[in-house]
N, C-alpha and C. Protein backbone atom coordinates (compact mmCIF):
# COMPACT_ATOMS: atom_id res chain seq x y z
N MET A 1 -73.33 -55.63 -128.52
CA MET A 1 -73.47 -55.96 -129.93
C MET A 1 -72.33 -56.88 -130.33
N ASN A 2 -72.61 -57.83 -131.21
CA ASN A 2 -71.62 -58.77 -131.70
C ASN A 2 -70.56 -58.02 -132.48
N GLN A 3 -69.30 -58.28 -132.21
CA GLN A 3 -68.18 -57.57 -132.86
C GLN A 3 -68.11 -57.89 -134.35
N ASN A 4 -68.64 -59.04 -134.79
CA ASN A 4 -68.55 -59.45 -136.19
C ASN A 4 -69.66 -58.85 -137.05
N GLN A 5 -70.66 -58.27 -136.42
CA GLN A 5 -71.77 -57.70 -137.18
C GLN A 5 -71.58 -56.18 -137.29
N PRO A 6 -71.83 -55.64 -138.48
CA PRO A 6 -71.73 -54.17 -138.63
C PRO A 6 -72.87 -53.49 -137.87
N ASP A 7 -72.67 -52.22 -137.55
CA ASP A 7 -73.73 -51.45 -136.90
C ASP A 7 -74.94 -51.37 -137.84
N GLU A 8 -76.11 -51.33 -137.24
CA GLU A 8 -77.34 -51.23 -138.01
C GLU A 8 -77.43 -49.84 -138.63
N GLN A 9 -77.82 -49.79 -139.91
CA GLN A 9 -78.01 -48.49 -140.55
C GLN A 9 -79.25 -47.83 -140.00
N ILE A 10 -79.19 -46.53 -139.81
CA ILE A 10 -80.31 -45.77 -139.28
C ILE A 10 -80.67 -44.69 -140.28
N PHE A 11 -81.94 -44.68 -140.69
CA PHE A 11 -82.41 -43.69 -141.66
C PHE A 11 -83.43 -42.72 -141.05
N PHE A 12 -84.19 -43.18 -140.06
CA PHE A 12 -85.23 -42.36 -139.45
C PHE A 12 -84.97 -42.21 -137.95
N ASN A 13 -85.57 -41.20 -137.35
CA ASN A 13 -85.38 -40.99 -135.91
C ASN A 13 -86.00 -42.12 -135.08
N ASP A 14 -87.05 -42.71 -135.59
CA ASP A 14 -87.73 -43.79 -134.89
C ASP A 14 -87.27 -45.13 -135.46
N PRO A 15 -86.63 -45.98 -134.65
CA PRO A 15 -86.14 -47.26 -135.16
C PRO A 15 -87.26 -48.15 -135.70
N ALA A 16 -88.49 -47.96 -135.23
CA ALA A 16 -89.61 -48.75 -135.75
C ALA A 16 -89.85 -48.42 -137.22
N LEU A 17 -89.64 -47.17 -137.61
CA LEU A 17 -89.79 -46.80 -139.02
C LEU A 17 -88.72 -47.47 -139.87
N ASP A 18 -87.51 -47.55 -139.36
CA ASP A 18 -86.45 -48.25 -140.09
C ASP A 18 -86.81 -49.71 -140.30
N ARG A 19 -87.33 -50.35 -139.26
CA ARG A 19 -87.72 -51.77 -139.39
C ARG A 19 -88.89 -51.92 -140.35
N ALA A 20 -89.87 -51.03 -140.27
CA ALA A 20 -91.02 -51.09 -141.18
C ALA A 20 -90.57 -50.88 -142.63
N PHE A 21 -89.65 -49.95 -142.83
CA PHE A 21 -89.14 -49.70 -144.17
C PHE A 21 -88.39 -50.93 -144.68
N GLY A 22 -87.67 -51.60 -143.79
CA GLY A 22 -86.97 -52.83 -144.16
C GLY A 22 -87.96 -53.89 -144.63
N VAL A 23 -89.10 -53.98 -143.95
CA VAL A 23 -90.13 -54.94 -144.35
C VAL A 23 -90.68 -54.56 -145.73
N VAL A 24 -90.94 -53.28 -145.94
CA VAL A 24 -91.46 -52.82 -147.24
C VAL A 24 -90.46 -53.15 -148.35
N MET A 25 -89.19 -52.91 -148.10
CA MET A 25 -88.17 -53.20 -149.13
C MET A 25 -88.07 -54.70 -149.39
N ALA A 26 -88.17 -55.53 -148.35
CA ALA A 26 -88.14 -56.98 -148.53
C ALA A 26 -89.34 -57.44 -149.36
N LEU A 27 -90.52 -56.89 -149.07
CA LEU A 27 -91.71 -57.24 -149.83
C LEU A 27 -91.60 -56.77 -151.28
N ALA A 28 -91.07 -55.58 -151.48
CA ALA A 28 -90.90 -55.06 -152.84
C ALA A 28 -89.96 -55.96 -153.64
N THR A 29 -88.92 -56.44 -153.01
CA THR A 29 -87.99 -57.36 -153.67
C THR A 29 -88.70 -58.64 -154.07
N GLU A 30 -89.50 -59.19 -153.16
CA GLU A 30 -90.24 -60.42 -153.46
C GLU A 30 -91.25 -60.20 -154.58
N VAL A 31 -91.92 -59.06 -154.58
CA VAL A 31 -92.89 -58.76 -155.64
C VAL A 31 -92.18 -58.71 -156.99
N TYR A 32 -91.01 -58.09 -157.02
CA TYR A 32 -90.28 -58.02 -158.30
C TYR A 32 -89.88 -59.41 -158.78
N VAL A 33 -89.39 -60.25 -157.86
CA VAL A 33 -89.00 -61.61 -158.23
C VAL A 33 -90.21 -62.36 -158.78
N LEU A 34 -91.36 -62.25 -158.11
CA LEU A 34 -92.57 -62.92 -158.59
C LEU A 34 -92.99 -62.38 -159.96
N LYS A 35 -92.92 -61.07 -160.14
CA LYS A 35 -93.27 -60.45 -161.42
C LYS A 35 -92.37 -60.97 -162.53
N ASP A 36 -91.08 -61.03 -162.26
CA ASP A 36 -90.10 -61.49 -163.23
C ASP A 36 -90.36 -62.95 -163.61
N ARG A 37 -90.63 -63.78 -162.61
CA ARG A 37 -90.90 -65.20 -162.87
C ARG A 37 -92.23 -65.39 -163.61
N GLN A 38 -93.23 -64.61 -163.27
CA GLN A 38 -94.52 -64.70 -163.97
C GLN A 38 -94.34 -64.34 -165.44
N THR A 39 -93.57 -63.30 -165.70
CA THR A 39 -93.31 -62.90 -167.09
C THR A 39 -92.60 -64.01 -167.84
N ALA A 40 -91.62 -64.66 -167.19
CA ALA A 40 -90.91 -65.77 -167.81
C ALA A 40 -91.86 -66.92 -168.11
N LEU A 41 -92.74 -67.24 -167.15
CA LEU A 41 -93.71 -68.32 -167.36
C LEU A 41 -94.66 -67.99 -168.51
N GLU A 42 -95.14 -66.76 -168.56
CA GLU A 42 -96.03 -66.36 -169.64
C GLU A 42 -95.33 -66.49 -170.99
N ARG A 43 -94.08 -66.08 -171.06
CA ARG A 43 -93.31 -66.16 -172.30
C ARG A 43 -93.15 -67.62 -172.74
N ILE A 44 -92.79 -68.51 -171.79
CA ILE A 44 -92.60 -69.92 -172.11
C ILE A 44 -93.91 -70.56 -172.55
N LEU A 45 -94.98 -70.29 -171.79
CA LEU A 45 -96.29 -70.86 -172.14
C LEU A 45 -96.76 -70.36 -173.51
N SER A 46 -96.56 -69.09 -173.78
CA SER A 46 -96.97 -68.51 -175.06
C SER A 46 -96.15 -69.11 -176.20
N ARG A 47 -94.86 -69.22 -176.01
CA ARG A 47 -93.96 -69.77 -177.02
C ARG A 47 -94.35 -71.21 -177.37
N ASN A 48 -94.86 -71.96 -176.40
CA ASN A 48 -95.23 -73.35 -176.61
C ASN A 48 -96.71 -73.52 -176.97
N GLY A 49 -97.39 -72.41 -177.23
CA GLY A 49 -98.78 -72.46 -177.67
C GLY A 49 -99.77 -72.82 -176.57
N LEU A 50 -99.38 -72.66 -175.31
CA LEU A 50 -100.25 -73.01 -174.20
C LEU A 50 -100.95 -71.80 -173.59
N LEU A 51 -100.61 -70.62 -174.07
CA LEU A 51 -101.18 -69.40 -173.52
C LEU A 51 -101.32 -68.37 -174.64
N ASP A 52 -102.49 -67.78 -174.73
CA ASP A 52 -102.72 -66.71 -175.69
C ASP A 52 -102.60 -65.39 -174.93
N LEU A 53 -101.50 -64.68 -175.15
CA LEU A 53 -101.25 -63.44 -174.41
C LEU A 53 -102.31 -62.39 -174.67
N GLU A 54 -102.92 -62.39 -175.86
CA GLU A 54 -103.99 -61.42 -176.15
C GLU A 54 -105.20 -61.68 -175.25
N LEU A 55 -105.52 -62.96 -175.03
CA LEU A 55 -106.63 -63.28 -174.12
C LEU A 55 -106.29 -62.90 -172.70
N LEU A 56 -105.03 -63.10 -172.31
CA LEU A 56 -104.59 -62.75 -170.97
C LEU A 56 -104.71 -61.24 -170.73
N ASP A 57 -104.43 -60.47 -171.76
CA ASP A 57 -104.46 -59.00 -171.65
C ASP A 57 -105.85 -58.42 -171.92
N ALA A 58 -106.81 -59.26 -172.33
CA ALA A 58 -108.15 -58.77 -172.67
C ALA A 58 -108.88 -58.27 -171.42
N GLU A 59 -109.81 -57.36 -171.66
CA GLU A 59 -110.66 -56.85 -170.57
C GLU A 59 -111.51 -57.98 -170.02
N PRO A 60 -111.68 -58.04 -168.71
CA PRO A 60 -112.53 -59.10 -168.13
C PRO A 60 -114.00 -58.83 -168.44
N SER A 61 -114.78 -59.91 -168.39
CA SER A 61 -116.23 -59.76 -168.56
C SER A 61 -116.78 -59.06 -167.32
N GLU A 62 -118.04 -58.64 -167.41
CA GLU A 62 -118.67 -57.96 -166.27
C GLU A 62 -118.72 -58.91 -165.06
N GLU A 63 -119.03 -60.18 -165.30
CA GLU A 63 -119.07 -61.17 -164.21
C GLU A 63 -117.68 -61.33 -163.58
N GLU A 64 -116.65 -61.44 -164.41
CA GLU A 64 -115.28 -61.56 -163.90
C GLU A 64 -114.87 -60.31 -163.12
N ARG A 65 -115.28 -59.16 -163.62
CA ARG A 65 -114.97 -57.89 -162.96
C ARG A 65 -115.62 -57.83 -161.57
N LEU A 66 -116.89 -58.26 -161.49
CA LEU A 66 -117.58 -58.26 -160.20
C LEU A 66 -116.95 -59.25 -159.22
N ASN A 67 -116.57 -60.44 -159.72
CA ASN A 67 -115.90 -61.42 -158.86
C ASN A 67 -114.57 -60.88 -158.35
N SER A 68 -113.82 -60.25 -159.22
CA SER A 68 -112.53 -59.67 -158.82
C SER A 68 -112.73 -58.55 -157.81
N LYS A 69 -113.76 -57.73 -158.04
CA LYS A 69 -114.01 -56.62 -157.13
C LYS A 69 -114.29 -57.12 -155.73
N SER A 70 -115.14 -58.12 -155.61
CA SER A 70 -115.47 -58.68 -154.31
C SER A 70 -114.23 -59.27 -153.63
N ASP A 71 -113.45 -60.02 -154.38
CA ASP A 71 -112.23 -60.62 -153.85
C ASP A 71 -111.24 -59.54 -153.41
N ARG A 72 -111.08 -58.51 -154.24
CA ARG A 72 -110.16 -57.41 -153.93
C ARG A 72 -110.61 -56.66 -152.68
N GLU A 73 -111.91 -56.40 -152.56
CA GLU A 73 -112.42 -55.68 -151.39
C GLU A 73 -112.19 -56.48 -150.11
N GLN A 74 -112.38 -57.80 -150.16
CA GLN A 74 -112.11 -58.64 -148.99
C GLN A 74 -110.63 -58.61 -148.63
N PHE A 75 -109.77 -58.71 -149.64
CA PHE A 75 -108.33 -58.67 -149.42
C PHE A 75 -107.92 -57.36 -148.76
N VAL A 76 -108.39 -56.24 -149.30
CA VAL A 76 -108.03 -54.93 -148.75
C VAL A 76 -108.58 -54.78 -147.33
N TYR A 77 -109.79 -55.24 -147.10
CA TYR A 77 -110.38 -55.15 -145.76
C TYR A 77 -109.49 -55.87 -144.74
N HIS A 78 -109.11 -57.10 -145.04
CA HIS A 78 -108.29 -57.86 -144.10
C HIS A 78 -106.88 -57.28 -143.98
N LEU A 79 -106.36 -56.77 -145.07
CA LEU A 79 -105.04 -56.15 -145.05
C LEU A 79 -105.02 -54.90 -144.18
N MET A 80 -106.06 -54.09 -144.28
CA MET A 80 -106.10 -52.81 -143.59
C MET A 80 -106.71 -52.90 -142.19
N GLN A 81 -107.23 -54.05 -141.82
CA GLN A 81 -107.90 -54.21 -140.54
C GLN A 81 -107.00 -53.82 -139.37
N SER A 82 -105.73 -54.14 -139.45
CA SER A 82 -104.84 -53.82 -138.34
C SER A 82 -104.63 -52.31 -138.18
N LEU A 83 -104.85 -51.54 -139.23
CA LEU A 83 -104.67 -50.09 -139.14
C LEU A 83 -105.87 -49.39 -138.52
N THR A 84 -106.99 -50.09 -138.44
CA THR A 84 -108.19 -49.46 -137.90
C THR A 84 -108.20 -49.49 -136.37
N GLY A 85 -107.24 -50.19 -135.78
CA GLY A 85 -107.19 -50.28 -134.33
C GLY A 85 -108.17 -51.27 -133.74
N LYS A 86 -108.70 -52.14 -134.59
CA LYS A 86 -109.71 -53.09 -134.15
C LYS A 86 -109.20 -54.52 -134.29
N GLN A 87 -107.93 -54.71 -133.96
CA GLN A 87 -107.38 -56.06 -134.04
C GLN A 87 -108.00 -56.93 -132.96
N VAL A 88 -108.30 -58.14 -133.35
CA VAL A 88 -108.89 -59.08 -132.42
C VAL A 88 -108.17 -60.41 -132.60
N SER A 89 -108.08 -61.16 -131.54
CA SER A 89 -107.49 -62.49 -131.64
C SER A 89 -108.40 -63.37 -132.48
N LYS A 90 -107.81 -64.04 -133.44
CA LYS A 90 -108.62 -64.89 -134.31
C LYS A 90 -108.41 -66.35 -133.96
N GLY A 91 -107.76 -66.62 -132.79
CA GLY A 91 -107.42 -67.95 -132.35
C GLY A 91 -108.56 -68.84 -132.28
């Protein structure tokens, strides 16, 4: 191990869990940054009359709901595909 680098912190008995948790924490950080920036953009757009926050917060129409459902189901399917043990090369 490099003398200038501190020892790796260990939280779980399995080092793979530590690495996976590190990935989860990195993703959570990125999600928060995106959420914070989206809120700032919404505030700026609303302040300049380019966005109606009430319309943004309104319930979607039935057509919009169905489109979102289909998109969400595809996203979840592809996201969870690796957990089903059926990974295939997509090359």
